[in-house]
Amino acid sequence: MACPICTMSDILVSEAGRAECMTCGNEWEVAGADPDAIGEVRDANGNILHDGDSVSVVKDLKVKGTSDTLKVGTKITNIRLVAGDHEVDCKVAGKGVLLKAKFLKKA
């Protein structure tokens, strides 16, 4: 695969189906890629996460839009993996929250 702008072959391909040229910085959609595809999601310790897993928080996290904070050690059950920047969709105290996997560890 080569960049359509500069024709160099130094290409990074993300799991979300996007490619980026390391030379000129051009970004484009990879043909045939599923934009909703979820790649391998790993926690803070490198363990692979799956739908339905239980995890715990490894760092105090402020919940945007509220004055709530998720404290270290908070256990979250029955997670759901989603495509996007925040890979984990879950409920904490009855509220839906999206979290990044790097702040979680598999319980």
PDB file of N, CA and C in Angstrom:
ATOM      1  N   MET A   1       0.857  -1.169   0.000  1.00  0.00           N
ATOM      2  CA  MET A   1       0.000   0.000   0.000  1.00  0.00           C
ATOM      3  C   MET A   1       0.902   1.230   0.000  1.00  0.00           C
ATOM      4  N   ALA A   2       0.491   2.232  -0.772  1.00  0.00           N
ATOM      5  CA  ALA A   2       1.256   3.480  -0.864  1.00  0.00           C
ATOM      6  C   ALA A   2       0.327   4.658  -0.639  1.00  0.00           C
ATOM      7  N   CYS A   3       0.889   5.761  -0.189  1.00  0.00           N
ATOM      8  CA  CYS A   3       0.124   6.989   0.033  1.00  0.00           C
ATOM      9  C   CYS A   3      -0.362   7.534  -1.306  1.00  0.00           C
ATOM     10  N   PRO A   4      -1.647   7.907  -1.394  1.00  0.00           N
ATOM     11  CA  PRO A   4      -2.153   8.453  -2.650  1.00  0.00           C
ATOM     12  C   PRO A   4      -1.620   9.854  -2.957  1.00  0.00           C
ATOM     13  N   ILE A   5      -1.021  10.537  -1.989  1.00  0.00           N
ATOM     14  CA  ILE A   5      -0.502  11.891  -2.199  1.00  0.00           C
ATOM     15  C   ILE A   5       0.979  11.860  -2.592  1.00  0.00           C
ATOM     16  N   CYS A   6       1.814  11.262  -1.728  1.00  0.00           N
ATOM     17  CA  CYS A   6       3.258  11.298  -1.968  1.00  0.00           C
ATOM     18  C   CYS A   6       3.818   9.977  -2.510  1.00  0.00           C
ATOM     19  N   THR A   7       3.007   8.941  -2.596  1.00  0.00           N
ATOM     20  CA  THR A   7       3.348   7.602  -3.109  1.00  0.00           C
ATOM     21  C   THR A   7       4.410   6.870  -2.287  1.00  0.00           C
ATOM     22  N   MET A   8       4.694   7.332  -1.074  1.00  0.00           N
ATOM     23  CA  MET A   8       5.638   6.625  -0.202  1.00  0.00           C
ATOM     24  C   MET A   8       4.924   5.446   0.445  1.00  0.00           C
ATOM     25  N   SER A   9       5.690   4.464   0.897  1.00  0.00           N
ATOM     26  CA  SER A   9       5.075   3.255   1.451  1.00  0.00           C
ATOM     27  C   SER A   9       5.191   3.165   2.973  1.00  0.00           C
ATOM     28  N   ASP A  10       5.578   4.238   3.651  1.00  0.00           N
ATOM     29  CA  ASP A  10       5.634   4.256   5.120  1.00  0.00           C
ATOM     30  C   ASP A  10       4.236   4.545   5.652  1.00  0.00           C
ATOM     31  N   ILE A  11       3.420   3.498   5.803  1.00  0.00           N
ATOM     32  CA  ILE A  11       2.005   3.643   6.133  1.00  0.00           C
ATOM     33  C   ILE A  11       1.704   2.970   7.466  1.00  0.00           C
ATOM     34  N   LEU A  12       0.926   3.652   8.317  1.00  0.00           N
ATOM     35  CA  LEU A  12       0.379   3.066   9.547  1.00  0.00           C
ATOM     36  C   LEU A  12      -1.101   2.816   9.314  1.00  0.00           C
ATOM     37  N   VAL A  13      -1.577   1.613   9.617  1.00  0.00           N
ATOM     38  CA  VAL A  13      -2.992   1.295   9.465  1.00  0.00           C
ATOM     39  C   VAL A  13      -3.564   1.036  10.846  1.00  0.00           C
ATOM     40  N   SER A  14      -4.627   1.755  11.208  1.00  0.00           N
ATOM     41  CA  SER A  14      -5.256   1.584  12.519  1.00  0.00           C
ATOM     42  C   SER A  14      -6.305   0.475  12.443  1.00  0.00           C
ATOM     43  N   GLU A  15      -6.716   0.000  13.615  1.00  0.00           N
ATOM     44  CA  GLU A  15      -7.749  -1.028  13.678  1.00  0.00           C
ATOM     45  C   GLU A  15      -9.107  -0.496  13.250  1.00  0.00           C
ATOM     46  N   ALA A  16      -9.267   0.813  13.253  1.00  0.00           N
ATOM     47  CA  ALA A  16     -10.536   1.429  12.874  1.00  0.00           C
ATOM     48  C   ALA A  16     -10.668   1.578  11.360  1.00  0.00           C
ATOM     49  N   GLY A  17      -9.700   1.086  10.589  1.00  0.00           N
ATOM     50  CA  GLY A  17      -9.800   1.130   9.144  1.00  0.00           C
ATOM     51  C   GLY A  17      -9.287   2.411   8.518  1.00  0.00           C
ATOM     52  N   ARG A  18      -8.435   3.128   9.226  1.00  0.00           N
ATOM     53  CA  ARG A  18      -7.846   4.364   8.683  1.00  0.00           C
ATOM     54  C   ARG A  18      -6.350   4.141   8.494  1.00  0.00           C
ATOM     55  N   ALA A  19      -5.811   4.792   7.470  1.00  0.00           N
ATOM     56  CA  ALA A  19      -4.382   4.712   7.198  1.00  0.00           C
ATOM     57  C   ALA A  19      -3.791   6.110   7.286  1.00  0.00           C
ATOM     58  N   GLU A  20      -2.526   6.186   7.711  1.00  0.00           N
ATOM     59  CA  GLU A  20      -1.830   7.466   7.802  1.00  0.00           C
ATOM     60  C   GLU A  20      -0.431   7.311   7.234  1.00  0.00           C
ATOM     61  N   CYS A  21      -0.045   8.251   6.389  1.00  0.00           N
ATOM     62  CA  CYS A  21       1.290   8.262   5.797  1.00  0.00           C
ATOM     63  C   CYS A  21       2.265   8.874   6.804  1.00  0.00           C
ATOM     64  N   MET A  22       3.347   8.167   7.098  1.00  0.00           N
ATOM     65  CA  MET A  22       4.352   8.655   8.036  1.00  0.00           C
ATOM     66  C   MET A  22       5.188   9.787   7.427  1.00  0.00           C
ATOM     67  N   THR A  23       5.225   9.858   6.107  1.00  0.00           N
ATOM     68  CA  THR A  23       6.037  10.872   5.432  1.00  0.00           C
ATOM     69  C   THR A  23       5.336  12.221   5.359  1.00  0.00           C
ATOM     70  N   CYS A  24       4.107  12.235   4.800  1.00  0.00           N
ATOM     71  CA  CYS A  24       3.430  13.520   4.586  1.00  0.00           C
ATOM     72  C   CYS A  24       2.272  13.783   5.553  1.00  0.00           C
ATOM     73  N   GLY A  25       1.851  12.762   6.328  1.00  0.00           N
ATOM     74  CA  GLY A  25       0.784  12.947   7.304  1.00  0.00           C
ATOM     75  C   GLY A  25      -0.624  12.809   6.741  1.00  0.00           C
ATOM     76  N   ASN A  26      -0.758  12.453   5.476  1.00  0.00           N
ATOM     77  CA  ASN A  26      -2.075  12.274   4.870  1.00  0.00           C
ATOM     78  C   ASN A  26      -2.817  11.116   5.537  1.00  0.00           C
ATOM     79  N   GLU A  27      -4.123  11.282   5.781  1.00  0.00           N
ATOM     80  CA  GLU A  27      -4.960  10.225   6.340  1.00  0.00           C
ATOM     81  C   GLU A  27      -6.080   9.894   5.377  1.00  0.00           C
ATOM     82  N   TRP A  28      -6.452   8.604   5.300  1.00  0.00           N
ATOM     83  CA  TRP A  28      -7.545   8.182   4.430  1.00  0.00           C
ATOM     84  C   TRP A  28      -8.136   6.871   4.935  1.00  0.00           C
ATOM     85  N   GLU A  29      -9.353   6.575   4.453  1.00  0.00           N
ATOM     86  CA  GLU A  29     -10.036   5.324   4.787  1.00  0.00           C
ATOM     87  C   GLU A  29      -9.440   4.198   3.955  1.00  0.00           C
ATOM     88  N   VAL A  30      -9.202   3.044   4.581  1.00  0.00           N
ATOM     89  CA  VAL A  30      -8.711   1.885   3.866  1.00  0.00           C
ATOM     90  C   VAL A  30      -9.904   1.212   3.202  1.00  0.00           C
ATOM     91  N   ALA A  31      -9.803   0.934   1.924  1.00  0.00           N
ATOM     92  CA  ALA A  31     -10.908   0.316   1.182  1.00  0.00           C
ATOM     93  C   ALA A  31     -11.220  -1.057   1.749  1.00  0.00           C
ATOM     94  N   GLY A  32     -12.508  -1.327   1.912  1.00  0.00           N
ATOM     95  CA  GLY A  32     -12.953  -2.629   2.403  1.00  0.00           C
ATOM     96  C   GLY A  32     -12.891  -2.787   3.910  1.00  0.00           C
ATOM     97  N   ALA A  33     -12.482  -1.772   4.616  1.00  0.00           N
ATOM     98  CA  ALA A  33     -12.398  -1.855   6.079  1.00  0.00           C
ATOM     99  C   ALA A  33     -13.755  -1.553   6.687  1.00  0.00           C
ATOM    100  N   ASP A  34     -14.081  -2.246   7.752  1.00  0.00           N
ATOM    101  CA  ASP A  34     -15.336  -2.029   8.467  1.00  0.00           C
ATOM    102  C   ASP A  34     -15.090  -0.978   9.551  1.00  0.00           C
ATOM    103  N   PRO A  35     -15.700   0.222   9.441  1.00  0.00           N
ATOM    104  CA  PRO A  35     -15.434   1.266  10.428  1.00  0.00           C
ATOM    105  C   PRO A  35     -15.948   0.935  11.827  1.00  0.00           C
ATOM    106  N   ASP A  36     -16.884  -0.005  11.937  1.00  0.00           N
ATOM    107  CA  ASP A  36     -17.416  -0.392  13.238  1.00  0.00           C
ATOM    108  C   ASP A  36     -16.683  -1.588  13.836  1.00  0.00           C
ATOM    109  N   ALA A  37     -15.669  -2.080  13.155  1.00  0.00           N
ATOM    110  CA  ALA A  37     -14.937  -3.253  13.641  1.00  0.00           C
ATOM    111  C   ALA A  37     -14.144  -2.881  14.891  1.00  0.00           C
ATOM    112  N   ILE A  38     -14.187  -3.774  15.857  1.00  0.00           N
ATOM    113  CA  ILE A  38     -13.444  -3.577  17.095  1.00  0.00           C
ATOM    114  C   ILE A  38     -12.262  -4.528  17.064  1.00  0.00           C
ATOM    115  N   GLY A  39     -11.091  -3.968  17.193  1.00  0.00           N
ATOM    116  CA  GLY A  39      -9.895  -4.799  17.211  1.00  0.00           C
ATOM    117  C   GLY A  39      -9.694  -5.390  18.601  1.00  0.00           C
ATOM    118  N   GLU A  40      -8.498  -5.841  18.838  1.00  0.00           N
ATOM    119  CA  GLU A  40      -8.145  -6.419  20.122  1.00  0.00           C
ATOM    120  C   GLU A  40      -8.020  -5.289  21.149  1.00  0.00           C
ATOM    121  N   VAL A  41      -8.772  -5.367  22.236  1.00  0.00           N
ATOM    122  CA  VAL A  41      -8.737  -4.345  23.284  1.00  0.00           C
ATOM    123  C   VAL A  41      -8.018  -4.926  24.491  1.00  0.00           C
ATOM    124  N   ARG A  42      -6.979  -4.216  24.942  1.00  0.00           N
ATOM    125  CA  ARG A  42      -6.181  -4.694  26.075  1.00  0.00           C
ATOM    126  C   ARG A  42      -6.276  -3.727  27.251  1.00  0.00           C
ATOM    127  N   ASP A  43      -6.232  -4.295  28.466  1.00  0.00           N
ATOM    128  CA  ASP A  43      -6.300  -3.469  29.674  1.00  0.00           C
ATOM    129  C   ASP A  43      -4.926  -2.905  30.016  1.00  0.00           C
ATOM    130  N   ALA A  44      -4.797  -2.274  31.177  1.00  0.00           N
ATOM    131  CA  ALA A  44      -3.548  -1.647  31.599  1.00  0.00           C
ATOM    132  C   ALA A  44      -2.410  -2.653  31.756  1.00  0.00           C
ATOM    133  N   ASN A  45      -2.732  -3.909  32.023  1.00  0.00           N
ATOM    134  CA  ASN A  45      -1.717  -4.948  32.206  1.00  0.00           C
ATOM    135  C   ASN A  45      -1.464  -5.756  30.941  1.00  0.00           C
ATOM    136  N   GLY A  46      -2.156  -5.437  29.854  1.00  0.00           N
ATOM    137  CA  GLY A  46      -1.956  -6.154  28.600  1.00  0.00           C
ATOM    138  C   GLY A  46      -2.872  -7.341  28.401  1.00  0.00           C
ATOM    139  N   ASN A  47      -3.814  -7.576  29.307  1.00  0.00           N
ATOM    140  CA  ASN A  47      -4.766  -8.680  29.151  1.00  0.00           C
ATOM    141  C   ASN A  47      -5.837  -8.292  28.143  1.00  0.00           C
ATOM    142  N   ILE A  48      -6.267  -9.244  27.331  1.00  0.00           N
ATOM    143  CA  ILE A  48      -7.304  -8.986  26.336  1.00  0.00           C
ATOM    144  C   ILE A  48      -8.662  -8.947  27.025  1.00  0.00           C
ATOM    145  N   LEU A  49      -9.447  -7.910  26.716  1.00  0.00           N
ATOM    146  CA  LEU A  49     -10.787  -7.760  27.285  1.00  0.00           C
ATOM    147  C   LEU A  49     -11.830  -8.274  26.304  1.00  0.00           C
ATOM    148  N   HIS A  50     -12.933  -8.814  26.842  1.00  0.00           N
ATOM    149  CA  HIS A  50     -14.048  -9.319  26.048  1.00  0.00           C
ATOM    150  C   HIS A  50     -15.346  -8.753  26.613  1.00  0.00           C
ATOM    151  N   ASP A  51     -16.405  -8.776  25.799  1.00  0.00           N
ATOM    152  CA  ASP A  51     -17.724  -8.378  26.281  1.00  0.00           C
ATOM    153  C   ASP A  51     -18.109  -9.232  27.484  1.00  0.00           C
ATOM    154  N   GLY A  52     -18.671  -8.604  28.509  1.00  0.00           N
ATOM    155  CA  GLY A  52     -19.130  -9.329  29.688  1.00  0.00           C
ATOM    156  C   GLY A  52     -18.089  -9.482  30.780  1.00  0.00           C
ATOM    157  N   ASP A  53     -16.853  -9.078  30.540  1.00  0.00           N
ATOM    158  CA  ASP A  53     -15.798  -9.182  31.562  1.00  0.00           C
ATOM    159  C   ASP A  53     -16.066  -8.229  32.721  1.00  0.00           C
ATOM    160  N   SER A  54     -15.418  -8.505  33.837  1.00  0.00           N
ATOM    161  CA  SER A  54     -15.422  -7.603  34.989  1.00  0.00           C
ATOM    162  C   SER A  54     -14.048  -6.955  35.058  1.00  0.00           C
ATOM    163  N   VAL A  55     -14.036  -5.664  35.352  1.00  0.00           N
ATOM    164  CA  VAL A  55     -12.780  -4.918  35.429  1.00  0.00           C
ATOM    165  C   VAL A  55     -12.783  -4.042  36.669  1.00  0.00           C
ATOM    166  N   SER A  56     -11.615  -3.526  37.027  1.00  0.00           N
ATOM    167  CA  SER A  56     -11.531  -2.545  38.106  1.00  0.00           C
ATOM    168  C   SER A  56     -10.697  -1.363  37.620  1.00  0.00           C
ATOM    169  N   VAL A  57     -10.947  -0.210  38.193  1.00  0.00           N
ATOM    170  CA  VAL A  57     -10.302   1.032  37.791  1.00  0.00           C
ATOM    171  C   VAL A  57      -8.927   1.106  38.456  1.00  0.00           C
ATOM    172  N   VAL A  58      -7.883   1.509  37.689  1.00  0.00           N
ATOM    173  CA  VAL A  58      -6.519   1.575  38.232  1.00  0.00           C
ATOM    174  C   VAL A  58      -6.088   3.001  38.547  1.00  0.00           C
ATOM    175  N   LYS A  59      -6.931   4.004  38.268  1.00  0.00           N
ATOM    176  CA  LYS A  59      -6.587   5.398  38.503  1.00  0.00           C
ATOM    177  C   LYS A  59      -7.874   6.159  38.793  1.00  0.00           C
ATOM    178  N   ASP A  60      -7.818   7.133  39.703  1.00  0.00           N
ATOM    179  CA  ASP A  60      -8.993   7.979  39.944  1.00  0.00           C
ATOM    180  C   ASP A  60      -9.367   8.692  38.646  1.00  0.00           C
ATOM    181  N   LEU A  61     -10.633   8.581  38.244  1.00  0.00           N
ATOM    182  CA  LEU A  61     -11.101   9.186  37.003  1.00  0.00           C
ATOM    183  C   LEU A  61     -12.273  10.108  37.274  1.00  0.00           C
ATOM    184  N   LYS A  62     -12.187  11.352  36.812  1.00  0.00           N
ATOM    185  CA  LYS A  62     -13.308  12.280  36.931  1.00  0.00           C
ATOM    186  C   LYS A  62     -14.282  11.975  35.804  1.00  0.00           C
ATOM    187  N   VAL A  63     -15.568  11.949  36.131  1.00  0.00           N
ATOM    188  CA  VAL A  63     -16.602  11.701  35.137  1.00  0.00           C
ATOM    189  C   VAL A  63     -17.033  13.049  34.574  1.00  0.00           C
ATOM    190  N   LYS A  64     -16.840  13.241  33.263  1.00  0.00           N
ATOM    191  CA  LYS A  64     -17.164  14.523  32.638  1.00  0.00           C
ATOM    192  C   LYS A  64     -18.656  14.806  32.748  1.00  0.00           C
ATOM    193  N   GLY A  65     -18.980  16.059  32.996  1.00  0.00           N
ATOM    194  CA  GLY A  65     -20.369  16.477  33.082  1.00  0.00           C
ATOM    195  C   GLY A  65     -20.978  16.317  34.458  1.00  0.00           C
ATOM    196  N   THR A  66     -20.223  15.750  35.380  1.00  0.00           N
ATOM    197  CA  THR A  66     -20.702  15.580  36.757  1.00  0.00           C
ATOM    198  C   THR A  66     -19.566  15.923  37.720  1.00  0.00           C
ATOM    199  N   SER A  67     -19.893  15.926  38.989  1.00  0.00           N
ATOM    200  CA  SER A  67     -18.848  16.126  39.995  1.00  0.00           C
ATOM    201  C   SER A  67     -18.383  14.788  40.561  1.00  0.00           C
ATOM    202  N   ASP A  68     -18.790  13.690  39.941  1.00  0.00           N
ATOM    203  CA  ASP A  68     -18.432  12.346  40.402  1.00  0.00           C
ATOM    204  C   ASP A  68     -17.005  11.985  40.020  1.00  0.00           C
ATOM    205  N   THR A  69     -16.412  11.103  40.820  1.00  0.00           N
ATOM    206  CA  THR A  69     -15.088  10.560  40.547  1.00  0.00           C
ATOM    207  C   THR A  69     -15.137   9.053  40.741  1.00  0.00           C
ATOM    208  N   LEU A  70     -14.587   8.305  39.766  1.00  0.00           N
ATOM    209  CA  LEU A  70     -14.436   6.860  39.933  1.00  0.00           C
ATOM    210  C   LEU A  70     -13.129   6.632  40.667  1.00  0.00           C
ATOM    211  N   LYS A  71     -13.184   6.038  41.828  1.00  0.00           N
ATOM    212  CA  LYS A  71     -12.004   5.836  42.664  1.00  0.00           C
ATOM    213  C   LYS A  71     -11.246   4.583  42.238  1.00  0.00           C
ATOM    214  N   VAL A  72      -9.968   4.548  42.554  1.00  0.00           N
ATOM    215  CA  VAL A  72      -9.132   3.380  42.297  1.00  0.00           C
ATOM    216  C   VAL A  72      -9.768   2.168  42.967  1.00  0.00           C
ATOM    217  N   GLY A  73      -9.839   1.059  42.255  1.00  0.00           N
ATOM    218  CA  GLY A  73     -10.388  -0.171  42.812  1.00  0.00           C
ATOM    219  C   GLY A  73     -11.876  -0.359  42.577  1.00  0.00           C
ATOM    220  N   THR A  74     -12.558   0.641  42.013  1.00  0.00           N
ATOM    221  CA  THR A  74     -13.985   0.494  41.719  1.00  0.00           C
ATOM    222  C   THR A  74     -14.166  -0.664  40.752  1.00  0.00           C
ATOM    223  N   LYS A  75     -15.007  -1.625  41.127  1.00  0.00           N
ATOM    224  CA  LYS A  75     -15.239  -2.797  40.289  1.00  0.00           C
ATOM    225  C   LYS A  75     -16.417  -2.537  39.365  1.00  0.00           C
ATOM    226  N   ILE A  76     -16.234  -2.871  38.097  1.00  0.00           N
ATOM    227  CA  ILE A  76     -17.268  -2.700  37.082  1.00  0.00           C
ATOM    228  C   ILE A  76     -17.511  -4.061  36.451  1.00  0.00           C
ATOM    229  N   THR A  77     -18.768  -4.473  36.400  1.00  0.00           N
ATOM    230  CA  THR A  77     -19.103  -5.782  35.838  1.00  0.00           C
ATOM    231  C   THR A  77     -19.824  -5.622  34.509  1.00  0.00           C
ATOM    232  N   ASN A  78     -19.783  -6.680  33.728  1.00  0.00           N
ATOM    233  CA  ASN A  78     -20.525  -6.789  32.477  1.00  0.00           C
ATOM    234  C   ASN A  78     -20.231  -5.627  31.522  1.00  0.00           C
ATOM    235  N   ILE A  79     -18.958  -5.473  31.158  1.00  0.00           N
ATOM    236  CA  ILE A  79     -18.581  -4.406  30.236  1.00  0.00           C
ATOM    237  C   ILE A  79     -18.974  -4.777  28.806  1.00  0.00           C
ATOM    238  N   ARG A  80     -19.032  -3.760  27.953  1.00  0.00           N
ATOM    239  CA  ARG A  80     -19.311  -3.968  26.533  1.00  0.00           C
ATOM    240  C   ARG A  80     -18.257  -3.197  25.755  1.00  0.00           C
ATOM    241  N   LEU A  81     -17.627  -3.852  24.777  1.00  0.00           N
ATOM    242  CA  LEU A  81     -16.609  -3.209  23.970  1.00  0.00           C
ATOM    243  C   LEU A  81     -17.263  -2.520  22.784  1.00  0.00           C
ATOM    244  N   VAL A  82     -16.830  -1.293  22.506  1.00  0.00           N
ATOM    245  CA  VAL A  82     -17.371  -0.510  21.404  1.00  0.00           C
ATOM    246  C   VAL A  82     -16.217   0.076  20.593  1.00  0.00           C
ATOM    247  N   ALA A  83     -16.492   0.417  19.341  1.00  0.00           N
ATOM    248  CA  ALA A  83     -15.490   1.054  18.491  1.00  0.00           C
ATOM    249  C   ALA A  83     -15.374   2.523  18.893  1.00  0.00           C
ATOM    250  N   GLY A  84     -14.200   3.073  18.778  1.00  0.00           N
ATOM    251  CA  GLY A  84     -13.998   4.481  19.084  1.00  0.00           C
ATOM    252  C   GLY A  84     -12.842   4.699  20.027  1.00  0.00           C
ATOM    253  N   ASP A  85     -12.684   5.948  20.443  1.00  0.00           N
ATOM    254  CA  ASP A  85     -11.584   6.342  21.315  1.00  0.00           C
ATOM    255  C   ASP A  85     -11.718   5.726  22.706  1.00  0.00           C
ATOM    256  N   HIS A  86     -12.928   5.698  23.249  1.00  0.00           N
ATOM    257  CA  HIS A  86     -13.205   5.084  24.546  1.00  0.00           C
ATOM    258  C   HIS A  86     -13.797   3.716  24.258  1.00  0.00           C
ATOM    259  N   GLU A  87     -13.007   2.652  24.500  1.00  0.00           N
ATOM    260  CA  GLU A  87     -13.349   1.316  24.032  1.00  0.00           C
ATOM    261  C   GLU A  87     -14.352   0.564  24.903  1.00  0.00           C
ATOM    262  N   VAL A  88     -14.549   0.990  26.148  1.00  0.00           N
ATOM    263  CA  VAL A  88     -15.370   0.239  27.093  1.00  0.00           C
ATOM    264  C   VAL A  88     -16.632   1.023  27.453  1.00  0.00           C
ATOM    265  N   ASP A  89     -17.785   0.404  27.223  1.00  0.00           N
ATOM    266  CA  ASP A  89     -19.077   0.981  27.589  1.00  0.00           C
ATOM    267  C   ASP A  89     -19.581   0.178  28.788  1.00  0.00           C
ATOM    268  N   CYS A  90     -19.988   0.875  29.852  1.00  0.00           N
ATOM    269  CA  CYS A  90     -20.422   0.171  31.060  1.00  0.00           C
ATOM    270  C   CYS A  90     -21.353   1.062  31.864  1.00  0.00           C
ATOM    271  N   LYS A  91     -21.901   0.497  32.933  1.00  0.00           N
ATOM    272  CA  LYS A  91     -22.726   1.259  33.859  1.00  0.00           C
ATOM    273  C   LYS A  91     -22.059   1.262  35.223  1.00  0.00           C
ATOM    274  N   VAL A  92     -21.967   2.470  35.797  1.00  0.00           N
ATOM    275  CA  VAL A  92     -21.414   2.635  37.133  1.00  0.00           C
ATOM    276  C   VAL A  92     -22.460   3.388  37.940  1.00  0.00           C
ATOM    277  N   ALA A  93     -22.943   2.778  38.998  1.00  0.00           N
ATOM    278  CA  ALA A  93     -23.979   3.370  39.849  1.00  0.00           C
ATOM    279  C   ALA A  93     -25.195   3.791  39.019  1.00  0.00           C
ATOM    280  N   GLY A  94     -25.561   2.973  38.039  1.00  0.00           N
ATOM    281  CA  GLY A  94     -26.744   3.233  37.240  1.00  0.00           C
ATOM    282  C   GLY A  94     -26.577   4.232  36.118  1.00  0.00           C
ATOM    283  N   LYS A  95     -25.370   4.781  35.956  1.00  0.00           N
ATOM    284  CA  LYS A  95     -25.105   5.756  34.900  1.00  0.00           C
ATOM    285  C   LYS A  95     -24.241   5.114  33.822  1.00  0.00           C
ATOM    286  N   GLY A  96     -24.583   5.353  32.562  1.00  0.00           N
ATOM    287  CA  GLY A  96     -23.777   4.857  31.462  1.00  0.00           C
ATOM    288  C   GLY A  96     -22.498   5.663  31.336  1.00  0.00           C
ATOM    289  N   VAL A  97     -21.360   4.959  31.223  1.00  0.00           N
ATOM    290  CA  VAL A  97     -20.065   5.618  31.162  1.00  0.00           C
ATOM    291  C   VAL A  97     -19.223   4.945  30.074  1.00  0.00           C
ATOM    292  N   LEU A  98     -18.473   5.740  29.315  1.00  0.00           N
ATOM    293  CA  LEU A  98     -17.490   5.229  28.364  1.00  0.00           C
ATOM    294  C   LEU A  98     -16.109   5.440  28.963  1.00  0.00           C
ATOM    295  N   LEU A  99     -15.290   4.393  28.956  1.00  0.00           N
ATOM    296  CA  LEU A  99     -13.951   4.453  29.553  1.00  0.00           C
ATOM    297  C   LEU A  99     -12.900   3.954  28.581  1.00  0.00           C
ATOM    298  N   LYS A 100     -11.684   4.428  28.769  1.00  0.00           N
ATOM    299  CA  LYS A 100     -10.558   3.923  28.002  1.00  0.00           C
ATOM    300  C   LYS A 100     -10.014   2.684  28.710  1.00  0.00           C
ATOM    301  N   ALA A 101      -9.669   1.671  27.946  1.00  0.00           N
ATOM    302  CA  ALA A 101      -9.197   0.406  28.506  1.00  0.00           C
ATOM    303  C   ALA A 101      -7.875   0.558  29.262  1.00  0.00           C
ATOM    304  N   LYS A 102      -7.086   1.569  28.930  1.00  0.00           N
ATOM    305  CA  LYS A 102      -5.792   1.724  29.600  1.00  0.00           C
ATOM    306  C   LYS A 102      -5.919   2.113  31.059  1.00  0.00           C
ATOM    307  N   PHE A 103      -7.107   2.507  31.509  1.00  0.00           N
ATOM    308  CA  PHE A 103      -7.350   2.852  32.915  1.00  0.00           C
ATOM    309  C   PHE A 103      -8.059   1.734  33.667  1.00  0.00           C
ATOM    310  N   LEU A 104      -8.139   0.546  33.063  1.00  0.00           N
ATOM    311  CA  LEU A 104      -8.825  -0.585  33.676  1.00  0.00           C
ATOM    312  C   LEU A 104      -7.917  -1.787  33.743  1.00  0.00           C
ATOM    313  N   LYS A 105      -8.206  -2.698  34.689  1.00  0.00           N
ATOM    314  CA  LYS A 105      -7.525  -3.988  34.702  1.00  0.00           C
ATOM    315  C   LYS A 105      -8.574  -5.064  34.882  1.00  0.00           C
ATOM    316  N   LYS A 106      -8.334  -6.190  34.228  1.00  0.00           N
ATOM    317  CA  LYS A 106      -9.271  -7.303  34.273  1.00  0.00           C
ATOM    318  C   LYS A 106      -9.326  -7.874  35.690  1.00  0.00           C
ATOM    319  N   ALA A 107     -10.548  -8.078  36.184  1.00  0.00           N
ATOM    320  CA  ALA A 107     -10.719  -8.585  37.550  1.00  0.00           C
ATOM    321  C   ALA A 107     -10.769 -10.095  37.565  1.00  0.00           C
TER     322      ALA A 107
END
